[in-house]
Amino acid sequence: AHPVDRVIPDPRPINHLAVRTIVSQLLSTAAAKTINE
């Protein structure tokens, strides 16, 4: 994994980050992806 580049601040719109954060909590990546789709 080294080096891992950090992108701060995240360039995505804040609403995208917030919705994806809320949806993905306590879910598998696959489940969150399906719900987002």
PDB file of all heavy atoms in Angstrom:
ATOM      1  N   ALA A   1       0.797  -1.224   0.000  1.00  0.00           N
ATOM      2  CA  ALA A   1       0.000   0.000   0.000  1.00  0.00           C
ATOM      3  C   ALA A   1       0.831   1.275   0.000  1.00  0.00           C
ATOM      4  O   ALA A   1       0.310   2.337  -0.283  1.00  0.00           O
ATOM      5  CB  ALA A   1      -0.938   0.016   1.205  1.00  0.00           C
ATOM      6  N   HIS A   2       2.085   1.208   0.331  1.00  0.00           N
ATOM      7  CA  HIS A   2       2.885   2.434   0.459  1.00  0.00           C
ATOM      8  C   HIS A   2       3.348   2.923  -0.896  1.00  0.00           C
ATOM      9  O   HIS A   2       3.741   2.117  -1.728  1.00  0.00           O
ATOM     10  CB  HIS A   2       4.084   2.179   1.361  1.00  0.00           C
ATOM     11  CG  HIS A   2       4.906   3.402   1.557  1.00  0.00           C
ATOM     12  ND1 HIS A   2       4.490   4.435   2.352  1.00  0.00           N
ATOM     13  CD2 HIS A   2       6.090   3.776   1.032  1.00  0.00           C
ATOM     14  CE1 HIS A   2       5.411   5.390   2.317  1.00  0.00           C
ATOM     15  NE2 HIS A   2       6.379   4.997   1.531  1.00  0.00           N
ATOM     16  N   PRO A   3       3.354   4.193  -1.184  1.00  0.00           N
ATOM     17  CA  PRO A   3       2.768   5.254  -0.363  1.00  0.00           C
ATOM     18  C   PRO A   3       1.289   5.429  -0.712  1.00  0.00           C
ATOM     19  O   PRO A   3       0.884   5.199  -1.848  1.00  0.00           O
ATOM     20  CB  PRO A   3       3.559   6.499  -0.768  1.00  0.00           C
ATOM     21  CG  PRO A   3       3.902   6.257  -2.196  1.00  0.00           C
ATOM     22  CD  PRO A   3       4.104   4.745  -2.328  1.00  0.00           C
ATOM     23  N   VAL A   4       0.513   5.818   0.254  1.00  0.00           N
ATOM     24  CA  VAL A   4      -0.900   6.098   0.041  1.00  0.00           C
ATOM     25  C   VAL A   4      -1.047   7.612  -0.043  1.00  0.00           C
ATOM     26  O   VAL A   4      -0.733   8.323   0.906  1.00  0.00           O
ATOM     27  CB  VAL A   4      -1.767   5.538   1.193  1.00  0.00           C
ATOM     28  CG1 VAL A   4      -3.216   5.925   1.012  1.00  0.00           C
ATOM     29  CG2 VAL A   4      -1.617   4.034   1.280  1.00  0.00           C
ATOM     30  N   ASP A   5      -1.468   8.081  -1.217  1.00  0.00           N
ATOM     31  CA  ASP A   5      -1.664   9.517  -1.387  1.00  0.00           C
ATOM     32  C   ASP A   5      -2.955   9.936  -0.708  1.00  0.00           C
ATOM     33  O   ASP A   5      -3.963   9.242  -0.779  1.00  0.00           O
ATOM     34  CB  ASP A   5      -1.733   9.880  -2.874  1.00  0.00           C
ATOM     35  CG  ASP A   5      -0.407   9.627  -3.576  1.00  0.00           C
ATOM     36  OD1 ASP A   5       0.640   9.807  -2.930  1.00  0.00           O
ATOM     37  OD2 ASP A   5      -0.435   9.255  -4.759  1.00  0.00           O
ATOM     38  N   ARG A   6      -2.927  11.054  -0.041  1.00  0.00           N
ATOM     39  CA  ARG A   6      -4.110  11.587   0.621  1.00  0.00           C
ATOM     40  C   ARG A   6      -4.635  12.759  -0.195  1.00  0.00           C
ATOM     41  O   ARG A   6      -3.863  13.597  -0.638  1.00  0.00           O
ATOM     42  CB  ARG A   6      -3.769  12.066   2.022  1.00  0.00           C
ATOM     43  CG  ARG A   6      -3.296  10.943   2.903  1.00  0.00           C
ATOM     44  CD  ARG A   6      -2.837  11.490   4.222  1.00  0.00           C
ATOM     45  NE  ARG A   6      -2.197  10.413   4.948  1.00  0.00           N
ATOM     46  CZ  ARG A   6      -2.333  10.248   6.233  1.00  0.00           C
ATOM     47  NH1 ARG A   6      -3.051  11.069   6.943  1.00  0.00           N
ATOM     48  NH2 ARG A   6      -1.728   9.259   6.834  1.00  0.00           N
ATOM     49  N   VAL A   7      -5.927  12.784  -0.395  1.00  0.00           N
ATOM     50  CA  VAL A   7      -6.549  13.884  -1.108  1.00  0.00           C
ATOM     51  C   VAL A   7      -7.372  14.654  -0.091  1.00  0.00           C
ATOM     52  O   VAL A   7      -8.457  14.236   0.301  1.00  0.00           O
ATOM     53  CB  VAL A   7      -7.443  13.378  -2.267  1.00  0.00           C
ATOM     54  CG1 VAL A   7      -8.093  14.545  -2.974  1.00  0.00           C
ATOM     55  CG2 VAL A   7      -6.634  12.539  -3.232  1.00  0.00           C
ATOM     56  N   ILE A   8      -6.814  15.741   0.391  1.00  0.00           N
ATOM     57  CA  ILE A   8      -7.485  16.565   1.380  1.00  0.00           C
ATOM     58  C   ILE A   8      -7.396  18.005   0.893  1.00  0.00           C
ATOM     59  O   ILE A   8      -6.307  18.485   0.614  1.00  0.00           O
ATOM     60  CB  ILE A   8      -6.815  16.434   2.763  1.00  0.00           C
ATOM     61  CG1 ILE A   8      -6.870  14.983   3.216  1.00  0.00           C
ATOM     62  CG2 ILE A   8      -7.453  17.353   3.770  1.00  0.00           C
ATOM     63  CD1 ILE A   8      -6.074  14.693   4.464  1.00  0.00           C
ATOM     64  N   PRO A   9      -8.447  18.715   0.763  1.00  0.00           N
ATOM     65  CA  PRO A   9      -9.811  18.248   0.996  1.00  0.00           C
ATOM     66  C   PRO A   9     -10.298  17.387  -0.161  1.00  0.00           C
ATOM     67  O   PRO A   9      -9.804  17.494  -1.268  1.00  0.00           O
ATOM     68  CB  PRO A   9     -10.616  19.546   1.097  1.00  0.00           C
ATOM     69  CG  PRO A   9      -9.863  20.507   0.254  1.00  0.00           C
ATOM     70  CD  PRO A   9      -8.402  20.133   0.393  1.00  0.00           C
ATOM     71  N   ASP A  10     -11.268  16.554   0.136  1.00  0.00           N
ATOM     72  CA  ASP A  10     -11.861  15.696  -0.880  1.00  0.00           C
ATOM     73  C   ASP A  10     -12.573  16.584  -1.901  1.00  0.00           C
ATOM     74  O   ASP A  10     -13.372  17.431  -1.518  1.00  0.00           O
ATOM     75  CB  ASP A  10     -12.858  14.739  -0.220  1.00  0.00           C
ATOM     76  CG  ASP A  10     -13.268  13.613  -1.136  1.00  0.00           C
ATOM     77  OD1 ASP A  10     -13.663  13.909  -2.283  1.00  0.00           O
ATOM     78  OD2 ASP A  10     -13.206  12.453  -0.721  1.00  0.00           O
ATOM     79  N   PRO A  11     -12.276  16.429  -3.181  1.00  0.00           N
ATOM     80  CA  PRO A  11     -12.847  17.337  -4.180  1.00  0.00           C
ATOM     81  C   PRO A  11     -14.317  17.067  -4.525  1.00  0.00           C
ATOM     82  O   PRO A  11     -14.941  17.883  -5.193  1.00  0.00           O
ATOM     83  CB  PRO A  11     -11.958  17.103  -5.406  1.00  0.00           C
ATOM     84  CG  PRO A  11     -11.509  15.681  -5.265  1.00  0.00           C
ATOM     85  CD  PRO A  11     -11.352  15.464  -3.768  1.00  0.00           C
ATOM     86  N   ARG A  12     -14.858  15.952  -4.072  1.00  0.00           N
ATOM     87  CA  ARG A  12     -16.249  15.647  -4.427  1.00  0.00           C
ATOM     88  C   ARG A  12     -17.204  16.608  -3.719  1.00  0.00           C
ATOM     89  O   ARG A  12     -16.910  17.104  -2.634  1.00  0.00           O
ATOM     90  CB  ARG A  12     -16.585  14.212  -4.053  1.00  0.00           C
ATOM     91  CG  ARG A  12     -15.840  13.189  -4.912  1.00  0.00           C
ATOM     92  CD  ARG A  12     -16.095  11.791  -4.440  1.00  0.00           C
ATOM     93  NE  ARG A  12     -15.437  11.602  -3.145  1.00  0.00           N
ATOM     94  CZ  ARG A  12     -15.470  10.471  -2.464  1.00  0.00           C
ATOM     95  NH1 ARG A  12     -16.142   9.437  -2.923  1.00  0.00           N
ATOM     96  NH2 ARG A  12     -14.848  10.357  -1.313  1.00  0.00           N
ATOM     97  N   PRO A  13     -18.373  16.847  -4.323  1.00  0.00           N
ATOM     98  CA  PRO A  13     -19.362  17.713  -3.676  1.00  0.00           C
ATOM     99  C   PRO A  13     -19.746  17.157  -2.300  1.00  0.00           C
ATOM    100  O   PRO A  13     -19.840  15.952  -2.098  1.00  0.00           O
ATOM    101  CB  PRO A  13     -20.561  17.677  -4.628  1.00  0.00           C
ATOM    102  CG  PRO A  13     -19.977  17.298  -5.953  1.00  0.00           C
ATOM    103  CD  PRO A  13     -18.818  16.388  -5.641  1.00  0.00           C
ATOM    104  N   ILE A  14     -19.982  18.057  -1.360  1.00  0.00           N
ATOM    105  CA  ILE A  14     -20.276  17.674   0.021  1.00  0.00           C
ATOM    106  C   ILE A  14     -21.500  16.775   0.119  1.00  0.00           C
ATOM    107  O   ILE A  14     -21.535  15.852   0.925  1.00  0.00           O
ATOM    108  CB  ILE A  14     -20.424  18.929   0.929  1.00  0.00           C
ATOM    109  CG1 ILE A  14     -20.444  18.537   2.412  1.00  0.00           C
ATOM    110  CG2 ILE A  14     -21.640  19.739   0.561  1.00  0.00           C
ATOM    111  CD1 ILE A  14     -19.137  18.128   2.963  1.00  0.00           C
ATOM    112  N   ASN A  15     -22.519  17.013  -0.712  1.00  0.00           N
ATOM    113  CA  ASN A  15     -23.715  16.171  -0.652  1.00  0.00           C
ATOM    114  C   ASN A  15     -23.406  14.731  -1.040  1.00  0.00           C
ATOM    115  O   ASN A  15     -23.967  13.798  -0.467  1.00  0.00           O
ATOM    116  CB  ASN A  15     -24.827  16.740  -1.526  1.00  0.00           C
ATOM    117  CG  ASN A  15     -25.471  17.956  -0.900  1.00  0.00           C
ATOM    118  OD1 ASN A  15     -25.340  18.197   0.292  1.00  0.00           O
ATOM    119  ND2 ASN A  15     -26.165  18.730  -1.706  1.00  0.00           N
ATOM    120  N   HIS A  16     -22.521  14.535  -1.999  1.00  0.00           N
ATOM    121  CA  HIS A  16     -22.127  13.168  -2.386  1.00  0.00           C
ATOM    122  C   HIS A  16     -21.457  12.475  -1.216  1.00  0.00           C
ATOM    123  O   HIS A  16     -21.757  11.322  -0.906  1.00  0.00           O
ATOM    124  CB  HIS A  16     -21.164  13.200  -3.577  1.00  0.00           C
ATOM    125  CG  HIS A  16     -21.805  13.585  -4.858  1.00  0.00           C
ATOM    126  ND1 HIS A  16     -21.711  12.827  -5.986  1.00  0.00           N
ATOM    127  CD2 HIS A  16     -22.571  14.645  -5.206  1.00  0.00           C
ATOM    128  CE1 HIS A  16     -22.371  13.401  -6.973  1.00  0.00           C
ATOM    129  NE2 HIS A  16     -22.906  14.516  -6.506  1.00  0.00           N
ATOM    130  N   LEU A  17     -20.534  13.181  -0.573  1.00  0.00           N
ATOM    131  CA  LEU A  17     -19.811  12.592   0.553  1.00  0.00           C
ATOM    132  C   LEU A  17     -20.764  12.246   1.696  1.00  0.00           C
ATOM    133  O   LEU A  17     -20.676  11.167   2.280  1.00  0.00           O
ATOM    134  CB  LEU A  17     -18.735  13.562   1.044  1.00  0.00           C
ATOM    135  CG  LEU A  17     -17.640  13.898   0.030  1.00  0.00           C
ATOM    136  CD1 LEU A  17     -16.790  15.049   0.540  1.00  0.00           C
ATOM    137  CD2 LEU A  17     -16.792  12.688  -0.278  1.00  0.00           C
ATOM    138  N   ALA A  18     -21.684  13.164   1.997  1.00  0.00           N
ATOM    139  CA  ALA A  18     -22.599  12.944   3.121  1.00  0.00           C
ATOM    140  C   ALA A  18     -23.542  11.777   2.854  1.00  0.00           C
ATOM    141  O   ALA A  18     -23.708  10.893   3.705  1.00  0.00           O
ATOM    142  CB  ALA A  18     -23.397  14.214   3.404  1.00  0.00           C
ATOM    143  N   VAL A  19     -24.167  11.758   1.677  1.00  0.00           N
ATOM    144  CA  VAL A  19     -25.121  10.684   1.378  1.00  0.00           C
ATOM    145  C   VAL A  19     -24.409   9.341   1.352  1.00  0.00           C
ATOM    146  O   VAL A  19     -24.880   8.369   1.952  1.00  0.00           O
ATOM    147  CB  VAL A  19     -25.870  10.951   0.050  1.00  0.00           C
ATOM    148  CG1 VAL A  19     -26.661   9.727  -0.392  1.00  0.00           C
ATOM    149  CG2 VAL A  19     -26.793  12.157   0.211  1.00  0.00           C
ATOM    150  N   ARG A  20     -23.278   9.269   0.721  1.00  0.00           N
ATOM    151  CA  ARG A  20     -22.547   8.000   0.662  1.00  0.00           C
ATOM    152  C   ARG A  20     -22.077   7.560   2.047  1.00  0.00           C
ATOM    153  O   ARG A  20     -22.073   6.378   2.356  1.00  0.00           O
ATOM    154  CB  ARG A  20     -21.407   8.086  -0.334  1.00  0.00           C
ATOM    155  CG  ARG A  20     -21.951   8.216  -1.756  1.00  0.00           C
ATOM    156  CD  ARG A  20     -20.887   8.125  -2.802  1.00  0.00           C
ATOM    157  NE  ARG A  20     -21.434   8.350  -4.115  1.00  0.00           N
ATOM    158  CZ  ARG A  20     -22.088   7.460  -4.847  1.00  0.00           C
ATOM    159  NH1 ARG A  20     -22.302   6.253  -4.363  1.00  0.00           N
ATOM    160  NH2 ARG A  20     -22.544   7.753  -6.048  1.00  0.00           N
ATOM    161  N   THR A  21     -21.726   8.502   2.882  1.00  0.00           N
ATOM    162  CA  THR A  21     -21.321   8.169   4.256  1.00  0.00           C
ATOM    163  C   THR A  21     -22.494   7.598   5.025  1.00  0.00           C
ATOM    164  O   THR A  21     -22.375   6.563   5.694  1.00  0.00           O
ATOM    165  CB  THR A  21     -20.762   9.415   4.976  1.00  0.00           C
ATOM    166  OG1 THR A  21     -19.584   9.837   4.289  1.00  0.00           O
ATOM    167  CG2 THR A  21     -20.436   9.122   6.421  1.00  0.00           C
ATOM    168  N   ILE A  22     -23.644   8.254   4.937  1.00  0.00           N
ATOM    169  CA  ILE A  22     -24.833   7.785   5.649  1.00  0.00           C
ATOM    170  C   ILE A  22     -25.247   6.406   5.156  1.00  0.00           C
ATOM    171  O   ILE A  22     -25.496   5.497   5.943  1.00  0.00           O
ATOM    172  CB  ILE A  22     -25.989   8.798   5.514  1.00  0.00           C
ATOM    173  CG1 ILE A  22     -25.658  10.084   6.276  1.00  0.00           C
ATOM    174  CG2 ILE A  22     -27.300   8.197   6.016  1.00  0.00           C
ATOM    175  CD1 ILE A  22     -26.567  11.255   5.956  1.00  0.00           C
ATOM    176  N   VAL A  23     -25.323   6.233   3.838  1.00  0.00           N
ATOM    177  CA  VAL A  23     -25.772   4.962   3.268  1.00  0.00           C
ATOM    178  C   VAL A  23     -24.836   3.824   3.656  1.00  0.00           C
ATOM    179  O   VAL A  23     -25.285   2.736   4.007  1.00  0.00           O
ATOM    180  CB  VAL A  23     -25.897   5.055   1.729  1.00  0.00           C
ATOM    181  CG1 VAL A  23     -26.096   3.681   1.110  1.00  0.00           C
ATOM    182  CG2 VAL A  23     -27.042   5.989   1.342  1.00  0.00           C
ATOM    183  N   SER A  24     -23.537   4.062   3.651  1.00  0.00           N
ATOM    184  CA  SER A  24     -22.586   2.962   3.814  1.00  0.00           C
ATOM    185  C   SER A  24     -22.353   2.530   5.256  1.00  0.00           C
ATOM    186  O   SER A  24     -21.755   1.472   5.481  1.00  0.00           O
ATOM    187  CB  SER A  24     -21.246   3.335   3.180  1.00  0.00           C
ATOM    188  OG  SER A  24     -20.658   4.412   3.871  1.00  0.00           O
ATOM    189  N   GLN A  25     -22.827   3.282   6.226  1.00  0.00           N
ATOM    190  CA  GLN A  25     -22.572   2.924   7.614  1.00  0.00           C
ATOM    191  C   GLN A  25     -23.179   1.567   7.976  1.00  0.00           C
ATOM    192  O   GLN A  25     -24.334   1.299   7.690  1.00  0.00           O
ATOM    193  CB  GLN A  25     -23.109   3.999   8.545  1.00  0.00           C
ATOM    194  CG  GLN A  25     -22.292   5.272   8.464  1.00  0.00           C
ATOM    195  CD  GLN A  25     -22.776   6.315   9.426  1.00  0.00           C
ATOM    196  OE1 GLN A  25     -23.030   6.014  10.580  1.00  0.00           O
ATOM    197  NE2 GLN A  25     -22.885   7.537   8.949  1.00  0.00           N
ATOM    198  N   LEU A  26     -22.345   0.742   8.599  1.00  0.00           N
ATOM    199  CA  LEU A  26     -22.730  -0.590   9.083  1.00  0.00           C
ATOM    200  C   LEU A  26     -23.221  -1.518   7.978  1.00  0.00           C
ATOM    201  O   LEU A  26     -24.021  -2.416   8.231  1.00  0.00           O
ATOM    202  CB  LEU A  26     -23.791  -0.475  10.188  1.00  0.00           C
ATOM    203  CG  LEU A  26     -23.358   0.339  11.408  1.00  0.00           C
ATOM    204  CD1 LEU A  26     -24.533   0.532  12.347  1.00  0.00           C
ATOM    205  CD2 LEU A  26     -22.206  -0.322  12.118  1.00  0.00           C
ATOM    206  N   LEU A  27     -22.739  -1.304   6.761  1.00  0.00           N
ATOM    207  CA  LEU A  27     -23.089  -2.163   5.628  1.00  0.00           C
ATOM    208  C   LEU A  27     -21.822  -2.640   4.938  1.00  0.00           C
ATOM    209  O   LEU A  27     -20.794  -1.970   5.004  1.00  0.00           O
ATOM    210  CB  LEU A  27     -23.919  -1.395   4.592  1.00  0.00           C
ATOM    211  CG  LEU A  27     -25.316  -0.944   4.963  1.00  0.00           C
ATOM    212  CD1 LEU A  27     -25.924  -0.159   3.819  1.00  0.00           C
ATOM    213  CD2 LEU A  27     -26.198  -2.125   5.321  1.00  0.00           C
ATOM    214  N   SER A  28     -21.948  -3.734   4.246  1.00  0.00           N
ATOM    215  CA  SER A  28     -20.833  -4.168   3.417  1.00  0.00           C
ATOM    216  C   SER A  28     -20.707  -3.203   2.241  1.00  0.00           C
ATOM    217  O   SER A  28     -21.653  -2.496   1.887  1.00  0.00           O
ATOM    218  CB  SER A  28     -21.075  -5.586   2.889  1.00  0.00           C
ATOM    219  OG  SER A  28     -22.119  -5.566   1.925  1.00  0.00           O
ATOM    220  N   THR A  29     -19.545  -3.183   1.640  1.00  0.00           N
ATOM    221  CA  THR A  29     -19.323  -2.320   0.481  1.00  0.00           C
ATOM    222  C   THR A  29     -20.299  -2.667  -0.635  1.00  0.00           C
ATOM    223  O   THR A  29     -20.857  -1.785  -1.286  1.00  0.00           O
ATOM    224  CB  THR A  29     -17.870  -2.469  -0.009  1.00  0.00           C
ATOM    225  OG1 THR A  29     -16.993  -2.134   1.070  1.00  0.00           O
ATOM    226  CG2 THR A  29     -17.590  -1.578  -1.194  1.00  0.00           C
ATOM    227  N   ALA A  30     -20.523  -3.956  -0.852  1.00  0.00           N
ATOM    228  CA  ALA A  30     -21.430  -4.391  -1.918  1.00  0.00           C
ATOM    229  C   ALA A  30     -22.864  -3.932  -1.659  1.00  0.00           C
ATOM    230  O   ALA A  30     -23.553  -3.461  -2.566  1.00  0.00           O
ATOM    231  CB  ALA A  30     -21.379  -5.910  -2.062  1.00  0.00           C
ATOM    232  N   ALA A  31     -23.325  -4.053  -0.419  1.00  0.00           N
ATOM    233  CA  ALA A  31     -24.690  -3.623  -0.083  1.00  0.00           C
ATOM    234  C   ALA A  31     -24.835  -2.119  -0.255  1.00  0.00           C
ATOM    235  O   ALA A  31     -25.830  -1.639  -0.822  1.00  0.00           O
ATOM    236  CB  ALA A  31     -25.037  -4.033   1.343  1.00  0.00           C
ATOM    237  N   ALA A  32     -23.852  -1.359   0.223  1.00  0.00           N
ATOM    238  CA  ALA A  32     -23.906   0.100   0.080  1.00  0.00           C
ATOM    239  C   ALA A  32     -23.917   0.501  -1.386  1.00  0.00           C
ATOM    240  O   ALA A  32     -24.672   1.392  -1.790  1.00  0.00           O
ATOM    241  CB  ALA A  32     -22.728   0.735   0.803  1.00  0.00           C
ATOM    242  N   LYS A  33     -23.108  -0.174  -2.200  1.00  0.00           N
ATOM    243  CA  LYS A  33     -23.061   0.135  -3.635  1.00  0.00           C
ATOM    244  C   LYS A  33     -24.423  -0.122  -4.279  1.00  0.00           C
ATOM    245  O   LYS A  33     -24.914   0.687  -5.065  1.00  0.00           O
ATOM    246  CB  LYS A  33     -21.984  -0.710  -4.311  1.00  0.00           C
ATOM    247  CG  LYS A  33     -21.842  -0.438  -5.778  1.00  0.00           C
ATOM    248  CD  LYS A  33     -20.752  -1.285  -6.405  1.00  0.00           C
ATOM    249  CE  LYS A  33     -20.668  -0.936  -7.876  1.00  0.00           C
ATOM    250  NZ  LYS A  33     -20.299  -2.037  -8.698  1.00  0.00           N
ATOM    251  N   THR A  34     -25.041  -1.227  -3.939  1.00  0.00           N
ATOM    252  CA  THR A  34     -26.360  -1.561  -4.493  1.00  0.00           C
ATOM    253  C   THR A  34     -27.397  -0.521  -4.097  1.00  0.00           C
ATOM    254  O   THR A  34     -28.179  -0.059  -4.934  1.00  0.00           O
ATOM    255  CB  THR A  34     -26.796  -2.960  -4.013  1.00  0.00           C
ATOM    256  OG1 THR A  34     -25.849  -3.917  -4.494  1.00  0.00           O
ATOM    257  CG2 THR A  34     -28.181  -3.308  -4.516  1.00  0.00           C
ATOM    258  N   ILE A  35     -27.411  -0.128  -2.832  1.00  0.00           N
ATOM    259  CA  ILE A  35     -28.388   0.872  -2.375  1.00  0.00           C
ATOM    260  C   ILE A  35     -28.143   2.205  -3.056  1.00  0.00           C
ATOM    261  O   ILE A  35     -29.091   2.865  -3.521  1.00  0.00           O
ATOM    262  CB  ILE A  35     -28.357   0.999  -0.841  1.00  0.00           C
ATOM    263  CG1 ILE A  35     -28.881  -0.294  -0.210  1.00  0.00           C
ATOM    264  CG2 ILE A  35     -29.178   2.203  -0.377  1.00  0.00           C
ATOM    265  CD1 ILE A  35     -28.678  -0.380   1.288  1.00  0.00           C
ATOM    266  N   ASN A  36     -26.884   2.632  -3.161  1.00  0.00           N
ATOM    267  CA  ASN A  36     -26.581   3.884  -3.855  1.00  0.00           C
ATOM    268  C   ASN A  36     -27.048   3.837  -5.302  1.00  0.00           C
ATOM    269  O   ASN A  36     -27.617   4.802  -5.808  1.00  0.00           O
ATOM    270  CB  ASN A  36     -25.080   4.195  -3.785  1.00  0.00           C
ATOM    271  CG  ASN A  36     -24.682   4.830  -2.477  1.00  0.00           C
ATOM    272  OD1 ASN A  36     -25.334   5.766  -2.014  1.00  0.00           O
ATOM    273  ND2 ASN A  36     -23.622   4.332  -1.874  1.00  0.00           N
ATOM    274  N   GLU A  37     -26.825   2.720  -5.971  1.00  0.00           N
ATOM    275  CA  GLU A  37     -27.272   2.580  -7.367  1.00  0.00           C
ATOM    276  C   GLU A  37     -28.790   2.659  -7.463  1.00  0.00           C
ATOM    277  O   GLU A  37     -29.327   3.319  -8.361  1.00  0.00           O
ATOM    278  CB  GLU A  37     -26.770   1.256  -7.948  1.00  0.00           C
ATOM    279  CG  GLU A  37     -25.275   1.252  -8.220  1.00  0.00           C
ATOM    280  CD  GLU A  37     -24.730  -0.119  -8.591  1.00  0.00           C
ATOM    281  OE1 GLU A  37     -25.488  -1.137  -8.528  1.00  0.00           O
ATOM    282  OE2 GLU A  37     -23.535  -0.187  -8.931  1.00  0.00           O
TER     283      GLU A  37
END
